[in-house]
PDB file of N, CA and C in Angstrom:
ATOM      1  N   UNK A   1     -80.244  15.891  10.315  1.00  0.00           N
ATOM      2  CA  UNK A   1     -79.415  14.691  11.523  1.00  0.00           C
ATOM      3  C   UNK A   1     -78.145  14.156  10.277  1.00  0.00           C
ATOM      4  N   UNK A   2     -78.048  13.960   9.545  1.00  0.00           N
ATOM      5  CA  UNK A   2     -77.415  13.113   8.830  1.00  0.00           C
ATOM      6  C   UNK A   2     -76.609  14.068   8.352  1.00  0.00           C
ATOM      7  N   UNK A   3     -76.536  15.412   7.820  1.00  0.00           N
ATOM      8  CA  UNK A   3     -75.986  16.235   7.698  1.00  0.00           C
ATOM      9  C   UNK A   3     -74.866  17.177   8.218  1.00  0.00           C
ATOM     10  N   UNK A   4     -75.658  17.108   9.783  1.00  0.00           N
ATOM     11  CA  UNK A   4     -75.044  17.670  10.822  1.00  0.00           C
ATOM     12  C   UNK A   4     -73.880  16.411  11.101  1.00  0.00           C
ATOM     13  N   UNK A   5     -73.698  15.131  11.094  1.00  0.00           N
ATOM     14  CA  UNK A   5     -72.992  14.532  11.136  1.00  0.00           C
ATOM     15  C   UNK A   5     -71.768  14.625  10.080  1.00  0.00           C
ATOM     16  N   UNK A   6     -72.310  14.837   9.030  1.00  0.00           N
ATOM     17  CA  UNK A   6     -71.361  14.738   8.303  1.00  0.00           C
ATOM     18  C   UNK A   6     -70.636  15.767   7.763  1.00  0.00           C
ATOM     19  N   UNK A   7     -70.912  17.131   8.488  1.00  0.00           N
ATOM     20  CA  UNK A   7     -70.264  17.857   8.098  1.00  0.00           C
ATOM     21  C   UNK A   7     -69.453  18.481  10.355  1.00  0.00           C
ATOM     22  N   UNK A   8     -69.879  17.270  10.794  1.00  0.00           N
ATOM     23  CA  UNK A   8     -68.687  17.608  12.116  1.00  0.00           C
ATOM     24  C   UNK A   8     -68.057  16.367  11.643  1.00  0.00           C
ATOM     25  N   UNK A   9     -68.122  15.501  10.817  1.00  0.00           N
ATOM     26  CA  UNK A   9     -67.466  14.452  10.618  1.00  0.00           C
ATOM     27  C   UNK A   9     -66.109  15.262   9.305  1.00  0.00           C
ATOM     28  N   UNK A  10     -66.531  16.049   8.512  1.00  0.00           N
ATOM     29  CA  UNK A  10     -65.658  16.896   7.528  1.00  0.00           C
ATOM     30  C   UNK A  10     -64.543  17.829   8.466  1.00  0.00           C
ATOM     31  N   UNK A  11     -65.264  18.264   9.315  1.00  0.00           N
ATOM     32  CA  UNK A  11     -64.683  19.655  10.054  1.00  0.00           C
ATOM     33  C   UNK A  11     -63.592  18.400  11.033  1.00  0.00           C
ATOM     34  N   UNK A  12     -63.859  17.342  11.700  1.00  0.00           N
ATOM     35  CA  UNK A  12     -63.178  16.609  12.426  1.00  0.00           C
ATOM     36  C   UNK A  12     -61.355  16.174  11.266  1.00  0.00           C
ATOM     37  N   UNK A  13     -61.917  15.681  10.331  1.00  0.00           N
ATOM     38  CA  UNK A  13     -60.868  15.392   8.914  1.00  0.00           C
ATOM     39  C   UNK A  13     -60.481  16.262   8.228  1.00  0.00           C
ATOM     40  N   UNK A  14     -60.422  17.758   8.343  1.00  0.00           N
ATOM     41  CA  UNK A  14     -59.988  19.082   8.305  1.00  0.00           C
ATOM     42  C   UNK A  14     -58.724  19.029   9.120  1.00  0.00           C
ATOM     43  N   UNK A  15     -59.222  19.399  10.961  1.00  0.00           N
ATOM     44  CA  UNK A  15     -58.618  19.540  11.363  1.00  0.00           C
ATOM     45  C   UNK A  15     -57.533  18.481  11.814  1.00  0.00           C
ATOM     46  N   UNK A  16     -57.416  17.258  11.681  1.00  0.00           N
ATOM     47  CA  UNK A  16     -56.679  16.456  11.841  1.00  0.00           C
ATOM     48  C   UNK A  16     -55.760  15.801  10.793  1.00  0.00           C
ATOM     49  N   UNK A  17     -55.964  16.594   9.316  1.00  0.00           N
ATOM     50  CA  UNK A  17     -55.377  16.044   8.242  1.00  0.00           C
ATOM     51  C   UNK A  17     -53.714  15.689   8.331  1.00  0.00           C
ATOM     52  N   UNK A  18     -52.974  16.300   9.009  1.00  0.00           N
ATOM     53  CA  UNK A  18     -51.658  16.111   9.384  1.00  0.00           C
ATOM     54  C   UNK A  18     -51.342  14.541  10.386  1.00  0.00           C
ATOM     55  N   UNK A  19     -52.443  13.987  11.047  1.00  0.00           N
ATOM     56  CA  UNK A  19     -52.216  12.725  11.715  1.00  0.00           C
ATOM     57  C   UNK A  19     -52.469  11.814  10.733  1.00  0.00           C
ATOM     58  N   UNK A  20     -53.166  11.914   9.643  1.00  0.00           N
ATOM     59  CA  UNK A  20     -53.651  10.912   8.675  1.00  0.00           C
ATOM     60  C   UNK A  20     -53.006  10.896   7.406  1.00  0.00           C
ATOM     61  N   UNK A  21     -52.350  11.927   7.260  1.00  0.00           N
ATOM     62  CA  UNK A  21     -51.085  12.226   6.287  1.00  0.00           C
ATOM     63  C   UNK A  21     -49.659  10.987   5.998  1.00  0.00           C
ATOM     64  N   UNK A  22     -49.552  10.884   5.316  1.00  0.00           N
ATOM     65  CA  UNK A  22     -48.330   9.848   5.111  1.00  0.00           C
ATOM     66  C   UNK A  22     -47.186  10.532   4.606  1.00  0.00           C
ATOM     67  N   UNK A  23     -47.195  11.752   3.737  1.00  0.00           N
ATOM     68  CA  UNK A  23     -45.951  12.370   3.425  1.00  0.00           C
ATOM     69  C   UNK A  23     -46.257  13.555   4.632  1.00  0.00           C
ATOM     70  N   UNK A  24     -44.565  14.097   4.865  1.00  0.00           N
ATOM     71  CA  UNK A  24     -44.425  15.344   5.798  1.00  0.00           C
ATOM     72  C   UNK A  24     -44.753  16.660   4.983  1.00  0.00           C
ATOM     73  N   UNK A  25     -45.153  16.915   3.643  1.00  0.00           N
ATOM     74  CA  UNK A  25     -45.234  17.994   2.698  1.00  0.00           C
ATOM     75  C   UNK A  25     -46.571  18.619   2.999  1.00  0.00           C
ATOM     76  N   UNK A  26     -47.536  17.736   3.341  1.00  0.00           N
ATOM     77  CA  UNK A  26     -49.127  17.979   3.801  1.00  0.00           C
ATOM     78  C   UNK A  26     -49.284  18.751   5.302  1.00  0.00           C
ATOM     79  N   UNK A  27     -48.459  18.233   6.149  1.00  0.00           N
ATOM     80  CA  UNK A  27     -48.714  18.528   7.293  1.00  0.00           C
ATOM     81  C   UNK A  27     -48.797  20.585   7.456  1.00  0.00           C
ATOM     82  N   UNK A  28     -49.573  20.939   8.443  1.00  0.00           N
ATOM     83  CA  UNK A  28     -49.838  22.247   8.441  1.00  0.00           C
ATOM     84  C   UNK A  28     -48.599  22.817   9.445  1.00  0.00           C
ATOM     85  N   UNK A  29     -48.429  23.834   9.027  1.00  0.00           N
ATOM     86  CA  UNK A  29     -47.625  24.687  10.221  1.00  0.00           C
ATOM     87  C   UNK A  29     -47.717  24.557  11.297  1.00  0.00           C
ATOM     88  N   UNK A  30     -46.585  24.644  12.554  1.00  0.00           N
ATOM     89  CA  UNK A  30     -46.556  24.377  13.572  1.00  0.00           C
ATOM     90  C   UNK A  30     -47.363  23.520  14.503  1.00  0.00           C
ATOM     91  N   UNK A  31     -47.585  22.067  13.193  1.00  0.00           N
ATOM     92  CA  UNK A  31     -48.041  21.073  13.745  1.00  0.00           C
ATOM     93  C   UNK A  31     -47.028  20.035  14.232  1.00  0.00           C
ATOM     94  N   UNK A  32     -46.446  19.421  15.257  1.00  0.00           N
ATOM     95  CA  UNK A  32     -45.504  18.109  15.299  1.00  0.00           C
ATOM     96  C   UNK A  32     -46.210  17.148  15.920  1.00  0.00           C
ATOM     97  N   UNK A  33     -45.553  16.014  15.503  1.00  0.00           N
ATOM     98  CA  UNK A  33     -45.823  14.356  16.134  1.00  0.00           C
ATOM     99  C   UNK A  33     -45.730  14.387  17.080  1.00  0.00           C
ATOM    100  N   UNK A  34     -46.773  13.643  18.044  1.00  0.00           N
ATOM    101  CA  UNK A  34     -46.617  13.146  18.720  1.00  0.00           C
ATOM    102  C   UNK A  34     -45.832  11.777  19.457  1.00  0.00           C
ATOM    103  N   UNK A  35     -45.649  11.147  18.694  1.00  0.00           N
ATOM    104  CA  UNK A  35     -44.608   9.918  18.846  1.00  0.00           C
ATOM    105  C   UNK A  35     -43.676   9.820  17.409  1.00  0.00           C
ATOM    106  N   UNK A  36     -42.497   9.847  18.080  1.00  0.00           N
ATOM    107  CA  UNK A  36     -41.449   9.479  17.044  1.00  0.00           C
ATOM    108  C   UNK A  36     -41.795   8.062  16.221  1.00  0.00           C
ATOM    109  N   UNK A  37     -42.505   8.320  14.965  1.00  0.00           N
ATOM    110  CA  UNK A  37     -42.318   7.298  13.464  1.00  0.00           C
ATOM    111  C   UNK A  37     -42.346   7.664  12.374  1.00  0.00           C
ATOM    112  N   UNK A  38     -42.334   6.237  11.482  1.00  0.00           N
ATOM    113  CA  UNK A  38     -42.281   7.047  10.423  1.00  0.00           C
ATOM    114  C   UNK A  38     -42.853   6.046   9.689  1.00  0.00           C
ATOM    115  N   UNK A  39     -44.029   6.395   8.777  1.00  0.00           N
ATOM    116  CA  UNK A  39     -44.692   6.150   7.747  1.00  0.00           C
ATOM    117  C   UNK A  39     -44.321   5.932   6.474  1.00  0.00           C
ATOM    118  N   UNK A  40     -43.436   7.115   6.077  1.00  0.00           N
ATOM    119  CA  UNK A  40     -42.876   6.991   4.338  1.00  0.00           C
ATOM    120  C   UNK A  40     -41.436   5.881   4.352  1.00  0.00           C
ATOM    121  N   UNK A  41     -41.175   5.814   3.020  1.00  0.00           N
ATOM    122  CA  UNK A  41     -40.361   4.951   2.858  1.00  0.00           C
ATOM    123  C   UNK A  41     -39.685   5.939   1.787  1.00  0.00           C
ATOM    124  N   UNK A  42     -40.299   7.059   1.251  1.00  0.00           N
ATOM    125  CA  UNK A  42     -39.417   7.801  -0.003  1.00  0.00           C
ATOM    126  C   UNK A  42     -39.769   9.405   1.065  1.00  0.00           C
ATOM    127  N   UNK A  43     -38.540   9.919   0.116  1.00  0.00           N
ATOM    128  CA  UNK A  43     -38.492  11.125   0.618  1.00  0.00           C
ATOM    129  C   UNK A  43     -39.865  11.840  -0.514  1.00  0.00           C
ATOM    130  N   UNK A  44     -39.934  13.619  -0.661  1.00  0.00           N
ATOM    131  CA  UNK A  44     -40.558  13.948  -1.139  1.00  0.00           C
ATOM    132  C   UNK A  44     -39.741  14.300  -3.054  1.00  0.00           C
ATOM    133  N   UNK A  45     -38.264  13.999  -2.947  1.00  0.00           N
ATOM    134  CA  UNK A  45     -38.065  14.142  -4.186  1.00  0.00           C
ATOM    135  C   UNK A  45     -37.874  13.029  -4.752  1.00  0.00           C
ATOM    136  N   UNK A  46     -38.627  11.559  -4.192  1.00  0.00           N
ATOM    137  CA  UNK A  46     -38.524  10.255  -4.764  1.00  0.00           C
ATOM    138  C   UNK A  46     -37.342   9.493  -4.143  1.00  0.00           C
ATOM    139  N   UNK A  47     -36.243   9.619  -3.363  1.00  0.00           N
ATOM    140  CA  UNK A  47     -35.020   9.190  -3.139  1.00  0.00           C
ATOM    141  C   UNK A  47     -35.639   8.256  -2.048  1.00  0.00           C
ATOM    142  N   UNK A  48     -35.171   7.132  -1.801  1.00  0.00           N
ATOM    143  CA  UNK A  48     -35.568   5.976  -0.561  1.00  0.00           C
ATOM    144  C   UNK A  48     -34.430   6.413   0.850  1.00  0.00           C
ATOM    145  N   UNK A  49     -35.024   6.478   1.651  1.00  0.00           N
ATOM    146  CA  UNK A  49     -34.789   7.034   2.838  1.00  0.00           C
ATOM    147  C   UNK A  49     -33.982   6.080   3.675  1.00  0.00           C
ATOM    148  N   UNK A  50     -33.161   6.224   4.536  1.00  0.00           N
ATOM    149  CA  UNK A  50     -32.555   5.025   4.851  1.00  0.00           C
ATOM    150  C   UNK A  50     -32.995   4.391   6.212  1.00  0.00           C
ATOM    151  N   UNK A  51     -32.042   3.129   6.048  1.00  0.00           N
ATOM    152  CA  UNK A  51     -33.169   2.300   7.477  1.00  0.00           C
ATOM    153  C   UNK A  51     -33.976   3.139   8.479  1.00  0.00           C
ATOM    154  N   UNK A  52     -34.401   3.076   9.568  1.00  0.00           N
ATOM    155  CA  UNK A  52     -34.657   3.276  10.653  1.00  0.00           C
ATOM    156  C   UNK A  52     -33.844   2.787  11.678  1.00  0.00           C
ATOM    157  N   UNK A  53     -33.439   3.482  12.586  1.00  0.00           N
ATOM    158  CA  UNK A  53     -32.830   3.081  13.916  1.00  0.00           C
ATOM    159  C   UNK A  53     -33.076   1.768  14.639  1.00  0.00           C
ATOM    160  N   UNK A  54     -32.526   0.532  14.512  1.00  0.00           N
ATOM    161  CA  UNK A  54     -33.318  -0.271  15.384  1.00  0.00           C
ATOM    162  C   UNK A  54     -32.850  -0.588  16.901  1.00  0.00           C
ATOM    163  N   UNK A  55     -33.739  -0.835  17.965  1.00  0.00           N
ATOM    164  CA  UNK A  55     -33.575  -1.013  19.330  1.00  0.00           C
ATOM    165  C   UNK A  55     -33.062  -2.173  19.620  1.00  0.00           C
ATOM    166  N   UNK A  56     -31.878  -1.838  19.723  1.00  0.00           N
ATOM    167  CA  UNK A  56     -31.099  -3.177  20.771  1.00  0.00           C
ATOM    168  C   UNK A  56     -31.549  -4.224  21.432  1.00  0.00           C
ATOM    169  N   UNK A  57     -31.787  -5.359  21.563  1.00  0.00           N
ATOM    170  CA  UNK A  57     -32.429  -6.252  22.879  1.00  0.00           C
ATOM    171  C   UNK A  57     -34.273  -6.123  22.549  1.00  0.00           C
ATOM    172  N   UNK A  58     -34.393  -5.563  21.978  1.00  0.00           N
ATOM    173  CA  UNK A  58     -35.837  -5.096  21.960  1.00  0.00           C
ATOM    174  C   UNK A  58     -36.767  -6.391  22.415  1.00  0.00           C
ATOM    175  N   UNK A  59     -36.721  -7.815  21.794  1.00  0.00           N
ATOM    176  CA  UNK A  59     -37.288  -9.215  22.626  1.00  0.00           C
ATOM    177  C   UNK A  59     -36.738  -8.975  23.962  1.00  0.00           C
ATOM    178  N   UNK A  60     -35.477  -9.105  24.297  1.00  0.00           N
ATOM    179  CA  UNK A  60     -35.356  -9.236  25.850  1.00  0.00           C
ATOM    180  C   UNK A  60     -35.681  -8.091  26.444  1.00  0.00           C
ATOM    181  N   UNK A  61     -36.073  -6.929  26.160  1.00  0.00           N
ATOM    182  CA  UNK A  61     -36.488  -6.012  27.182  1.00  0.00           C
ATOM    183  C   UNK A  61     -37.632  -5.982  26.818  1.00  0.00           C
ATOM    184  N   UNK A  62     -38.609  -6.286  26.295  1.00  0.00           N
ATOM    185  CA  UNK A  62     -40.135  -6.527  26.103  1.00  0.00           C
ATOM    186  C   UNK A  62     -40.299  -7.974  27.126  1.00  0.00           C
ATOM    187  N   UNK A  63     -39.656  -9.201  26.931  1.00  0.00           N
ATOM    188  CA  UNK A  63     -39.860  -9.647  28.054  1.00  0.00           C
ATOM    189  C   UNK A  63     -39.600  -9.536  29.581  1.00  0.00           C
ATOM    190  N   UNK A  64     -38.738  -8.658  29.988  1.00  0.00           N
ATOM    191  CA  UNK A  64     -38.638  -8.463  31.203  1.00  0.00           C
ATOM    192  C   UNK A  64     -39.464  -7.036  31.762  1.00  0.00           C
ATOM    193  N   UNK A  65     -39.814  -6.744  30.785  1.00  0.00           N
ATOM    194  CA  UNK A  65     -40.899  -5.991  31.334  1.00  0.00           C
ATOM    195  C   UNK A  65     -42.390  -6.763  31.405  1.00  0.00           C
ATOM    196  N   UNK A  66     -42.662  -7.567  30.283  1.00  0.00           N
ATOM    197  CA  UNK A  66     -44.163  -8.315  30.526  1.00  0.00           C
ATOM    198  C   UNK A  66     -43.986  -9.532  31.995  1.00  0.00           C
ATOM    199  N   UNK A  67     -42.817 -10.035  31.971  1.00  0.00           N
ATOM    200  CA  UNK A  67     -43.020 -11.429  32.687  1.00  0.00           C
ATOM    201  C   UNK A  67     -43.386 -11.064  33.954  1.00  0.00           C
ATOM    202  N   UNK A  68     -42.663  -9.875  34.358  1.00  0.00           N
ATOM    203  CA  UNK A  68     -42.735  -9.526  36.163  1.00  0.00           C
ATOM    204  C   UNK A  68     -44.291  -9.308  36.074  1.00  0.00           C
ATOM    205  N   UNK A  69     -44.551  -8.093  35.091  1.00  0.00           N
ATOM    206  CA  UNK A  69     -46.139  -7.659  35.582  1.00  0.00           C
ATOM    207  C   UNK A  69     -47.528  -8.582  35.246  1.00  0.00           C
ATOM    208  N   UNK A  70     -47.030  -9.783  34.743  1.00  0.00           N
ATOM    209  CA  UNK A  70     -47.962 -11.007  34.439  1.00  0.00           C
ATOM    210  C   UNK A  70     -47.754 -11.266  35.539  1.00  0.00           C
ATOM    211  N   UNK A  71     -47.026 -11.894  36.104  1.00  0.00           N
ATOM    212  CA  UNK A  71     -46.842 -12.193  37.577  1.00  0.00           C
ATOM    213  C   UNK A  71     -47.839 -11.765  38.732  1.00  0.00           C
ATOM    214  N   UNK A  72     -47.360 -10.441  38.786  1.00  0.00           N
ATOM    215  CA  UNK A  72     -48.027  -9.309  39.402  1.00  0.00           C
ATOM    216  C   UNK A  72     -49.427  -9.337  39.311  1.00  0.00           C
ATOM    217  N   UNK A  73     -50.128  -9.294  38.134  1.00  0.00           N
ATOM    218  CA  UNK A  73     -51.202  -9.787  37.986  1.00  0.00           C
ATOM    219  C   UNK A  73     -51.837 -10.661  38.606  1.00  0.00           C
ATOM    220  N   UNK A  74     -50.915 -12.168  38.415  1.00  0.00           N
ATOM    221  CA  UNK A  74     -51.701 -13.180  38.166  1.00  0.00           C
ATOM    222  C   UNK A  74     -51.675 -13.298  40.158  1.00  0.00           C
ATOM    223  N   UNK A  75     -50.818 -12.603  40.635  1.00  0.00           N
ATOM    224  CA  UNK A  75     -50.765 -12.976  42.131  1.00  0.00           C
ATOM    225  C   UNK A  75     -51.869 -11.478  42.602  1.00  0.00           C
ATOM    226  N   UNK A  76     -52.292 -10.653  41.940  1.00  0.00           N
ATOM    227  CA  UNK A  76     -53.198  -9.825  42.963  1.00  0.00           C
ATOM    228  C   UNK A  76     -54.539 -10.507  42.233  1.00  0.00           C
ATOM    229  N   UNK A  77     -54.788 -11.404  41.365  1.00  0.00           N
ATOM    230  CA  UNK A  77     -55.989 -11.972  40.984  1.00  0.00           C
ATOM    231  C   UNK A  77     -56.227 -12.865  41.746  1.00  0.00           C
ATOM    232  N   UNK A  78     -55.251 -13.778  42.611  1.00  0.00           N
ATOM    233  CA  UNK A  78     -55.275 -14.619  43.057  1.00  0.00           C
ATOM    234  C   UNK A  78     -56.118 -14.421  44.290  1.00  0.00           C
ATOM    235  N   UNK A  79     -54.974 -13.523  45.162  1.00  0.00           N
ATOM    236  CA  UNK A  79     -55.314 -13.030  46.078  1.00  0.00           C
ATOM    237  C   UNK A  79     -56.455 -12.537  46.571  1.00  0.00           C
ATOM    238  N   UNK A  80     -57.247 -11.535  45.370  1.00  0.00           N
ATOM    239  CA  UNK A  80     -58.114 -11.320  44.768  1.00  0.00           C
ATOM    240  C   UNK A  80     -59.626 -12.201  45.394  1.00  0.00           C
ATOM    241  N   UNK A  81     -59.425 -13.492  44.477  1.00  0.00           N
ATOM    242  CA  UNK A  81     -60.459 -14.540  44.362  1.00  0.00           C
ATOM    243  C   UNK A  81     -60.388 -15.140  45.682  1.00  0.00           C
ATOM    244  N   UNK A  82     -59.428 -15.408  46.706  1.00  0.00           N
ATOM    245  CA  UNK A  82     -59.544 -16.012  47.837  1.00  0.00           C
ATOM    246  C   UNK A  82     -60.205 -15.125  48.758  1.00  0.00           C
ATOM    247  N   UNK A  83     -60.012 -13.655  48.431  1.00  0.00           N
ATOM    248  CA  UNK A  83     -60.930 -12.276  49.161  1.00  0.00           C
ATOM    249  C   UNK A  83     -62.441 -12.966  49.495  1.00  0.00           C
ATOM    250  N   UNK A  84     -62.868 -12.756  48.139  1.00  0.00           N
ATOM    251  CA  UNK A  84     -64.666 -13.121  47.517  1.00  0.00           C
ATOM    252  C   UNK A  84     -64.226 -14.608  48.170  1.00  0.00           C
ATOM    253  N   UNK A  85     -63.661 -15.599  48.478  1.00  0.00           N
ATOM    254  CA  UNK A  85     -64.002 -16.760  48.669  1.00  0.00           C
ATOM    255  C   UNK A  85     -64.749 -16.640  50.229  1.00  0.00           C
ATOM    256  N   UNK A  86     -63.481 -16.089  50.657  1.00  0.00           N
ATOM    257  CA  UNK A  86     -63.409 -15.852  52.260  1.00  0.00           C
ATOM    258  C   UNK A  86     -64.424 -15.525  52.512  1.00  0.00           C
ATOM    259  N   UNK A  87     -65.121 -14.462  52.101  1.00  0.00           N
ATOM    260  CA  UNK A  87     -66.276 -13.282  52.303  1.00  0.00           C
ATOM    261  C   UNK A  87     -68.025 -13.981  51.594  1.00  0.00           C
ATOM    262  N   UNK A  88     -67.559 -14.894  50.821  1.00  0.00           N
ATOM    263  CA  UNK A  88     -68.686 -16.012  50.573  1.00  0.00           C
ATOM    264  C   UNK A  88     -69.431 -14.902  49.500  1.00  0.00           C
ATOM    265  N   UNK A  89     -68.723 -14.021  48.510  1.00  0.00           N
ATOM    266  CA  UNK A  89     -68.941 -13.253  47.569  1.00  0.00           C
ATOM    267  C   UNK A  89     -68.614 -14.113  46.307  1.00  0.00           C
ATOM    268  N   UNK A  90     -69.436 -14.327  45.759  1.00  0.00           N
ATOM    269  CA  UNK A  90     -69.604 -14.924  44.140  1.00  0.00           C
ATOM    270  C   UNK A  90     -68.981 -16.595  44.296  1.00  0.00           C
ATOM    271  N   UNK A  91     -69.444 -17.142  45.206  1.00  0.00           N
ATOM    272  CA  UNK A  91     -69.142 -18.519  45.587  1.00  0.00           C
ATOM    273  C   UNK A  91     -69.907 -19.614  44.769  1.00  0.00           C
ATOM    274  N   UNK A  92     -69.136 -20.321  43.924  1.00  0.00           N
ATOM    275  CA  UNK A  92     -70.414 -21.236  43.103  1.00  0.00           C
ATOM    276  C   UNK A  92     -71.423 -22.075  44.097  1.00  0.00           C
ATOM    277  N   UNK A  93     -72.349 -22.419  43.822  1.00  0.00           N
ATOM    278  CA  UNK A  93     -73.501 -23.222  44.447  1.00  0.00           C
ATOM    279  C   UNK A  93     -73.438 -24.707  44.574  1.00  0.00           C
ATOM    280  N   UNK A  94     -72.631 -25.603  45.343  1.00  0.00           N
ATOM    281  CA  UNK A  94     -72.734 -27.054  45.036  1.00  0.00           C
ATOM    282  C   UNK A  94     -74.389 -27.783  44.775  1.00  0.00           C
ATOM    283  N   UNK A  95     -74.010 -28.208  43.554  1.00  0.00           N
ATOM    284  CA  UNK A  95     -75.925 -28.547  43.254  1.00  0.00           C
ATOM    285  C   UNK A  95     -75.487 -30.193  43.528  1.00  0.00           C
ATOM    286  N   UNK A  96     -76.212 -30.741  44.382  1.00  0.00           N
ATOM    287  CA  UNK A  96     -76.068 -32.468  44.523  1.00  0.00           C
ATOM    288  C   UNK A  96     -77.013 -32.849  43.722  1.00  0.00           C
ATOM    289  N   UNK A  97     -76.862 -34.206  42.778  1.00  0.00           N
ATOM    290  CA  UNK A  97     -77.447 -34.017  42.027  1.00  0.00           C
ATOM    291  C   UNK A  97     -77.756 -35.738  42.519  1.00  0.00           C
ATOM    292  N   UNK A  98     -78.228 -35.761  44.036  1.00  0.00           N
ATOM    293  CA  UNK A  98     -78.661 -37.372  44.269  1.00  0.00           C
ATOM    294  C   UNK A  98     -80.174 -37.617  44.620  1.00  0.00           C
TER     295      UNK A  98
END
């Protein structure tokens, strides 16, 4: 059982070696990255790569996306909780300690 698990792990790592490598020289031919990103700071020759492009207004854009969806999620949760209470589903019992 352990031998089979070790063999499948080894084959997985060999198939996905391009995803886990940090240098572009180790990627096999025909493999393209799915997301633009850069993990290396130096080239193969040892030269320092230039700074990556900076997204302007990154924090503002993030805020403009997050805040409306948080508000929308809050409204949906509130309406669903009211619906459950109206139909007496998951209503907490009132225990009287008299």
